[in-house]
Structure formats: structure tokens, C-alpha cells
PDB file of N, CA and C in Angstrom:
ATOM      1  N   MET A   1      39.200 -34.530 -38.106  1.00  0.00           N
ATOM      2  CA  MET A   1      39.695 -34.753 -37.097  1.00  0.00           C
ATOM      3  C   MET A   1      40.772 -34.083 -36.588  1.00  0.00           C
ATOM      4  N   ASN A   2      40.856 -33.191 -35.263  1.00  0.00           N
ATOM      5  CA  ASN A   2      41.872 -32.479 -34.783  1.00  0.00           C
ATOM      6  C   ASN A   2      42.790 -33.353 -33.780  1.00  0.00           C
ATOM      7  N   ALA A   3      43.856 -32.607 -33.928  1.00  0.00           N
ATOM      8  CA  ALA A   3      45.116 -33.319 -33.360  1.00  0.00           C
ATOM      9  C   ALA A   3      45.012 -34.370 -32.027  1.00  0.00           C
ATOM     10  N   ALA A   4      44.237 -33.478 -31.397  1.00  0.00           N
ATOM     11  CA  ALA A   4      44.127 -34.428 -29.694  1.00  0.00           C
ATOM     12  C   ALA A   4      43.024 -35.627 -30.085  1.00  0.00           C
ATOM     13  N   ASN A   5      42.702 -36.226 -30.964  1.00  0.00           N
ATOM     14  CA  ASN A   5      42.018 -36.946 -31.230  1.00  0.00           C
ATOM     15  C   ASN A   5      42.984 -37.845 -31.791  1.00  0.00           C
ATOM     16  N   ASP A   6      43.633 -37.269 -33.067  1.00  0.00           N
ATOM     17  CA  ASP A   6      44.434 -38.243 -32.894  1.00  0.00           C
ATOM     18  C   ASP A   6      45.664 -39.046 -32.705  1.00  0.00           C
ATOM     19  N   ASN A   7      46.056 -38.315 -31.775  1.00  0.00           N
ATOM     20  CA  ASN A   7      47.365 -39.106 -30.823  1.00  0.00           C
ATOM     21  C   ASN A   7      46.287 -39.578 -29.746  1.00  0.00           C
ATOM     22  N   ALA A   8      44.818 -39.565 -29.501  1.00  0.00           N
ATOM     23  CA  ALA A   8      43.853 -40.758 -28.338  1.00  0.00           C
ATOM     24  C   ALA A   8      43.500 -41.277 -29.309  1.00  0.00           C
ATOM     25  N   ILE A   9      43.699 -41.518 -30.380  1.00  0.00           N
ATOM     26  CA  ILE A   9      43.534 -43.249 -31.225  1.00  0.00           C
ATOM     27  C   ILE A   9      45.004 -43.740 -31.449  1.00  0.00           C
ATOM     28  N   GLU A  10      45.810 -42.810 -31.828  1.00  0.00           N
ATOM     29  CA  GLU A  10      47.424 -43.300 -31.634  1.00  0.00           C
ATOM     30  C   GLU A  10      47.908 -43.990 -30.484  1.00  0.00           C
ATOM     31  N   GLY A  11      47.033 -43.547 -29.492  1.00  0.00           N
ATOM     32  CA  GLY A  11      47.488 -43.854 -27.995  1.00  0.00           C
ATOM     33  C   GLY A  11      46.651 -45.720 -27.632  1.00  0.00           C
ATOM     34  N   ASP A  12      45.731 -45.173 -28.558  1.00  0.00           N
ATOM     35  CA  ASP A  12      44.812 -46.642 -28.110  1.00  0.00           C
ATOM     36  C   ASP A  12      45.472 -47.623 -28.635  1.00  0.00           C
ATOM     37  N   LEU A  13      45.738 -47.693 -30.150  1.00  0.00           N
ATOM     38  CA  LEU A  13      45.826 -48.542 -30.835  1.00  0.00           C
ATOM     39  C   LEU A  13      47.148 -49.536 -30.462  1.00  0.00           C
ATOM     40  N   LEU A  14      46.993 -50.633 -30.557  1.00  0.00           N
ATOM     41  CA  LEU A  14      47.935 -51.682 -29.924  1.00  0.00           C
ATOM     42  C   LEU A  14      48.129 -52.729 -31.686  1.00  0.00           C
ATOM     43  N   MET A  15      49.385 -52.740 -31.821  1.00  0.00           N
ATOM     44  CA  MET A  15      49.804 -53.071 -33.196  1.00  0.00           C
ATOM     45  C   MET A  15      50.949 -54.341 -32.917  1.00  0.00           C
ATOM     46  N   GLY A  16      50.411 -55.225 -33.056  1.00  0.00           N
ATOM     47  CA  GLY A  16      50.906 -56.782 -32.935  1.00  0.00           C
ATOM     48  C   GLY A  16      51.036 -57.554 -31.854  1.00  0.00           C
ATOM     49  N   ALA A  17      51.264 -59.043 -31.799  1.00  0.00           N
ATOM     50  CA  ALA A  17      51.219 -59.684 -30.548  1.00  0.00           C
ATOM     51  C   ALA A  17      51.924 -59.532 -29.713  1.00  0.00           C
ATOM     52  N   PRO A  18      53.268 -59.026 -29.760  1.00  0.00           N
ATOM     53  CA  PRO A  18      53.723 -58.349 -28.206  1.00  0.00           C
ATOM     54  C   PRO A  18      53.220 -57.372 -27.570  1.00  0.00           C
ATOM     55  N   ALA A  19      52.505 -56.303 -28.985  1.00  0.00           N
ATOM     56  CA  ALA A  19      51.858 -55.264 -27.714  1.00  0.00           C
ATOM     57  C   ALA A  19      50.373 -55.168 -27.487  1.00  0.00           C
ATOM     58  N   ILE A  20      49.583 -56.456 -28.013  1.00  0.00           N
ATOM     59  CA  ILE A  20      48.585 -56.931 -27.638  1.00  0.00           C
ATOM     60  C   ILE A  20      48.568 -57.811 -25.590  1.00  0.00           C
ATOM     61  N   ALA A  21      49.934 -58.894 -26.269  1.00  0.00           N
ATOM     62  CA  ALA A  21      50.459 -59.769 -25.181  1.00  0.00           C
ATOM     63  C   ALA A  21      50.860 -58.814 -23.862  1.00  0.00           C
ATOM     64  N   LYS A  22      51.640 -57.854 -23.996  1.00  0.00           N
ATOM     65  CA  LYS A  22      51.831 -57.015 -22.800  1.00  0.00           C
ATOM     66  C   LYS A  22      50.844 -56.423 -22.487  1.00  0.00           C
ATOM     67  N   PHE A  23      49.873 -55.895 -23.059  1.00  0.00           N
ATOM     68  CA  PHE A  23      48.491 -55.489 -22.317  1.00  0.00           C
ATOM     69  C   PHE A  23      47.503 -55.889 -21.652  1.00  0.00           C
ATOM     70  N   LEU A  24      48.297 -57.317 -22.138  1.00  0.00           N
ATOM     71  CA  LEU A  24      46.719 -58.552 -21.245  1.00  0.00           C
ATOM     72  C   LEU A  24      47.491 -58.863 -20.667  1.00  0.00           C
ATOM     73  N   GLY A  25      48.859 -59.118 -20.194  1.00  0.00           N
ATOM     74  CA  GLY A  25      49.672 -60.007 -19.204  1.00  0.00           C
ATOM     75  C   GLY A  25      49.695 -61.470 -19.843  1.00  0.00           C
ATOM     76  N   VAL A  26      49.850 -61.744 -21.282  1.00  0.00           N
ATOM     77  CA  VAL A  26      49.867 -63.004 -21.556  1.00  0.00           C
ATOM     78  C   VAL A  26      50.994 -63.148 -22.288  1.00  0.00           C
ATOM     79  N   THR A  27      51.250 -64.325 -23.262  1.00  0.00           N
ATOM     80  CA  THR A  27      52.134 -64.241 -24.176  1.00  0.00           C
ATOM     81  C   THR A  27      51.600 -64.325 -25.356  1.00  0.00           C
ATOM     82  N   GLN A  28      52.401 -64.278 -26.469  1.00  0.00           N
ATOM     83  CA  GLN A  28      52.091 -63.953 -27.848  1.00  0.00           C
ATOM     84  C   GLN A  28      51.474 -64.813 -28.370  1.00  0.00           C
ATOM     85  N   ARG A  29      52.028 -66.080 -28.054  1.00  0.00           N
ATOM     86  CA  ARG A  29      51.072 -67.266 -28.697  1.00  0.00           C
ATOM     87  C   ARG A  29      49.377 -67.400 -27.695  1.00  0.00           C
ATOM     88  N   GLN A  30      49.134 -67.153 -26.722  1.00  0.00           N
ATOM     89  CA  GLN A  30      47.814 -67.110 -26.574  1.00  0.00           C
ATOM     90  C   GLN A  30      47.197 -66.028 -26.949  1.00  0.00           C
ATOM     91  N   VAL A  31      48.100 -64.869 -27.385  1.00  0.00           N
ATOM     92  CA  VAL A  31      47.255 -63.949 -28.321  1.00  0.00           C
ATOM     93  C   VAL A  31      46.484 -64.123 -29.175  1.00  0.00           C
ATOM     94  N   TYR A  32      47.621 -65.003 -29.764  1.00  0.00           N
ATOM     95  CA  TYR A  32      46.821 -65.270 -31.213  1.00  0.00           C
ATOM     96  C   TYR A  32      46.075 -66.466 -30.775  1.00  0.00           C
ATOM     97  N   ARG A  33      46.143 -67.142 -30.020  1.00  0.00           N
ATOM     98  CA  ARG A  33      45.070 -68.411 -29.726  1.00  0.00           C
ATOM     99  C   ARG A  33      43.750 -67.433 -29.565  1.00  0.00           C
ATOM    100  N   LEU A  34      43.346 -66.686 -28.611  1.00  0.00           N
ATOM    101  CA  LEU A  34      42.569 -65.629 -28.243  1.00  0.00           C
ATOM    102  C   LEU A  34      41.905 -65.005 -29.363  1.00  0.00           C
ATOM    103  N   CYS A  35      42.742 -64.107 -30.229  1.00  0.00           N
ATOM    104  CA  CYS A  35      42.137 -63.961 -31.615  1.00  0.00           C
ATOM    105  C   CYS A  35      41.811 -64.586 -32.278  1.00  0.00           C
ATOM    106  N   TYR A  36      42.353 -65.905 -32.983  1.00  0.00           N
ATOM    107  CA  TYR A  36      42.414 -66.414 -33.514  1.00  0.00           C
ATOM    108  C   TYR A  36      41.023 -67.273 -33.864  1.00  0.00           C
ATOM    109  N   ASP A  37      40.785 -67.956 -32.244  1.00  0.00           N
ATOM    110  CA  ASP A  37      39.746 -68.863 -32.034  1.00  0.00           C
ATOM    111  C   ASP A  37      38.213 -67.873 -32.046  1.00  0.00           C
ATOM    112  N   GLY A  38      38.423 -66.332 -32.159  1.00  0.00           N
ATOM    113  CA  GLY A  38      37.361 -65.458 -32.338  1.00  0.00           C
ATOM    114  C   GLY A  38      37.138 -64.935 -30.292  1.00  0.00           C
ATOM    115  N   ILE A  39      37.843 -65.038 -29.485  1.00  0.00           N
ATOM    116  CA  ILE A  39      37.464 -64.692 -28.436  1.00  0.00           C
ATOM    117  C   ILE A  39      37.708 -63.043 -27.756  1.00  0.00           C
ATOM    118  N   ALA A  40      38.710 -63.019 -28.746  1.00  0.00           N
ATOM    119  CA  ALA A  40      39.480 -61.552 -28.420  1.00  0.00           C
ATOM    120  C   ALA A  40      38.827 -60.456 -29.430  1.00  0.00           C
ATOM    121  N   PRO A  41      38.337 -59.345 -28.943  1.00  0.00           N
ATOM    122  CA  PRO A  41      38.058 -58.451 -29.880  1.00  0.00           C
ATOM    123  C   PRO A  41      39.874 -58.124 -30.963  1.00  0.00           C
ATOM    124  N   HIS A  42      39.334 -58.237 -31.841  1.00  0.00           N
ATOM    125  CA  HIS A  42      41.010 -57.633 -32.873  1.00  0.00           C
ATOM    126  C   HIS A  42      40.735 -57.339 -34.182  1.00  0.00           C
ATOM    127  N   PHE A  43      41.539 -56.648 -34.948  1.00  0.00           N
ATOM    128  CA  PHE A  43      41.403 -56.685 -36.291  1.00  0.00           C
ATOM    129  C   PHE A  43      43.041 -56.411 -37.068  1.00  0.00           C
ATOM    130  N   LYS A  44      42.987 -56.627 -38.405  1.00  0.00           N
ATOM    131  CA  LYS A  44      43.819 -56.973 -38.854  1.00  0.00           C
ATOM    132  C   LYS A  44      44.345 -55.633 -39.970  1.00  0.00           C
ATOM    133  N   LEU A  45      45.779 -55.589 -39.514  1.00  0.00           N
ATOM    134  CA  LEU A  45      46.364 -53.583 -40.473  1.00  0.00           C
ATOM    135  C   LEU A  45      46.941 -54.217 -40.964  1.00  0.00           C
ATOM    136  N   GLY A  46      47.066 -53.984 -42.075  1.00  0.00           N
ATOM    137  CA  GLY A  46      48.462 -54.911 -42.687  1.00  0.00           C
ATOM    138  C   GLY A  46      48.503 -56.294 -42.499  1.00  0.00           C
ATOM    139  N   GLY A  47      49.418 -56.998 -42.431  1.00  0.00           N
ATOM    140  CA  GLY A  47      49.425 -58.294 -41.883  1.00  0.00           C
ATOM    141  C   GLY A  47      49.940 -58.430 -40.661  1.00  0.00           C
ATOM    142  N   SER A  48      49.630 -57.696 -39.817  1.00  0.00           N
ATOM    143  CA  SER A  48      49.779 -57.896 -38.314  1.00  0.00           C
ATOM    144  C   SER A  48      48.145 -57.854 -37.491  1.00  0.00           C
ATOM    145  N   VAL A  49      48.175 -58.310 -36.762  1.00  0.00           N
ATOM    146  CA  VAL A  49      46.451 -58.492 -36.062  1.00  0.00           C
ATOM    147  C   VAL A  49      46.880 -56.699 -34.855  1.00  0.00           C
ATOM    148  N   ALA A  50      46.026 -56.673 -34.699  1.00  0.00           N
ATOM    149  CA  ALA A  50      45.866 -55.403 -33.854  1.00  0.00           C
ATOM    150  C   ALA A  50      44.591 -55.343 -33.312  1.00  0.00           C
ATOM    151  N   ALA A  51      44.735 -54.405 -31.900  1.00  0.00           N
ATOM    152  CA  ALA A  51      43.257 -54.275 -31.162  1.00  0.00           C
ATOM    153  C   ALA A  51      43.954 -52.873 -30.298  1.00  0.00           C
ATOM    154  N   ARG A  52      42.212 -52.071 -30.063  1.00  0.00           N
ATOM    155  CA  ARG A  52      42.689 -51.003 -28.844  1.00  0.00           C
ATOM    156  C   ARG A  52      42.449 -51.694 -27.556  1.00  0.00           C
ATOM    157  N   ARG A  53      43.017 -50.453 -26.951  1.00  0.00           N
ATOM    158  CA  ARG A  53      43.236 -50.693 -25.439  1.00  0.00           C
ATOM    159  C   ARG A  53      41.575 -50.718 -24.610  1.00  0.00           C
ATOM    160  N   SER A  54      41.295 -49.752 -25.423  1.00  0.00           N
ATOM    161  CA  SER A  54      39.718 -49.697 -25.078  1.00  0.00           C
ATOM    162  C   SER A  54      38.604 -50.873 -25.016  1.00  0.00           C
ATOM    163  N   THR A  55      38.534 -51.320 -26.435  1.00  0.00           N
ATOM    164  CA  THR A  55      38.055 -52.393 -26.875  1.00  0.00           C
ATOM    165  C   THR A  55      38.257 -53.628 -25.676  1.00  0.00           C
ATOM    166  N   LEU A  56      39.846 -53.907 -25.454  1.00  0.00           N
ATOM    167  CA  LEU A  56      39.669 -54.539 -24.703  1.00  0.00           C
ATOM    168  C   LEU A  56      39.980 -54.691 -23.266  1.00  0.00           C
ATOM    169  N   ALA A  57      40.106 -53.503 -22.787  1.00  0.00           N
ATOM    170  CA  ALA A  57      39.768 -53.069 -21.661  1.00  0.00           C
ATOM    171  C   ALA A  57      38.080 -53.201 -21.071  1.00  0.00           C
ATOM    172  N   LYS A  58      37.473 -52.957 -22.242  1.00  0.00           N
ATOM    173  CA  LYS A  58      35.810 -53.300 -22.055  1.00  0.00           C
ATOM    174  C   LYS A  58      35.813 -54.549 -22.167  1.00  0.00           C
ATOM    175  N   TRP A  59      36.191 -55.608 -22.810  1.00  0.00           N
ATOM    176  CA  TRP A  59      36.146 -56.958 -23.335  1.00  0.00           C
ATOM    177  C   TRP A  59      36.221 -57.728 -21.962  1.00  0.00           C
ATOM    178  N   MET A  60      37.228 -57.192 -21.276  1.00  0.00           N
ATOM    179  CA  MET A  60      38.075 -57.868 -19.876  1.00  0.00           C
ATOM    180  C   MET A  60      37.078 -57.811 -18.978  1.00  0.00           C
ATOM    181  N   ALA A  61      36.411 -56.131 -19.168  1.00  0.00           N
ATOM    182  CA  ALA A  61      35.052 -55.960 -17.422  1.00  0.00           C
ATOM    183  C   ALA A  61      34.220 -56.704 -18.195  1.00  0.00           C
ATOM    184  N   GLU A  62      33.378 -57.147 -19.283  1.00  0.00           N
ATOM    185  CA  GLU A  62      32.664 -57.759 -19.431  1.00  0.00           C
ATOM    186  C   GLU A  62      32.141 -59.074 -18.965  1.00  0.00           C
ATOM    187  N   ALA A  63      33.857 -60.022 -19.424  1.00  0.00           N
ATOM    188  CA  ALA A  63      34.096 -61.112 -19.111  1.00  0.00           C
ATOM    189  C   ALA A  63      34.306 -61.150 -17.576  1.00  0.00           C
ATOM    190  N   GLU A  64      34.621 -59.937 -16.797  1.00  0.00           N
ATOM    191  CA  GLU A  64      34.688 -60.187 -15.475  1.00  0.00           C
ATOM    192  C   GLU A  64      33.555 -60.461 -14.973  1.00  0.00           C
ATOM    193  N   ARG A  65      32.721 -59.522 -15.692  1.00  0.00           N
ATOM    194  CA  ARG A  65      30.999 -59.355 -14.844  1.00  0.00           C
ATOM    195  C   ARG A  65      30.539 -60.996 -15.333  1.00  0.00           C
ATOM    196  N   ALA A  66      29.960 -61.187 -15.967  1.00  0.00           N
ATOM    197  CA  ALA A  66      30.240 -62.573 -16.869  1.00  0.00           C
ATOM    198  C   ALA A  66      30.577 -63.424 -15.913  1.00  0.00           C
ATOM    199  N   SER A  67      31.575 -64.085 -15.466  1.00  0.00           N
ATOM    200  CA  SER A  67      31.957 -64.800 -14.853  1.00  0.00           C
ATOM    201  C   SER A  67      31.400 -64.880 -12.942  1.00  0.00           C
ATOM    202  N   ALA A  68      31.380 -63.304 -12.436  1.00  0.00           N
ATOM    203  CA  ALA A  68      30.833 -63.283 -11.116  1.00  0.00           C
ATOM    204  C   ALA A  68      29.757 -63.619 -11.201  1.00  0.00           C
TER     205      ALA A  68
END
């Protein structure tokens, strides 16, 4: 990977419930519920919950289309 791709990946990564909550506009408790109930896309990195902005944005767009 080159440096530009490394920065793109770094900028896309949300580490921890507080970062994910801020991105989604919900509480940390809601993040844990969405993740551990298998609703929101996420993965574990070390002992922390993590997600990618791009994956969450795609997930929200799909959920919005499904409810329309």
C-alpha cells in the first residue's frame, strides 16, 4: 500500500463506541446494542469495537432505502 491509501484507511476507521456513536449521532449504549445484536456492521480490534465510516454509511443508506 502507498501512503495515500494508508491515510484513506486510517481516516475511514472508527475505533471505540464513542467514535462510532458520534458518527451515527446516537449514544454509546445504542452503539453497543446495534453491534452486539448484529444490526450494525462492526468488528473487534483488540478489545474494542470498531467500524468503518464507509461501511456504516452504506449500511444506513441501505436501511433508508429498505424503509421507503
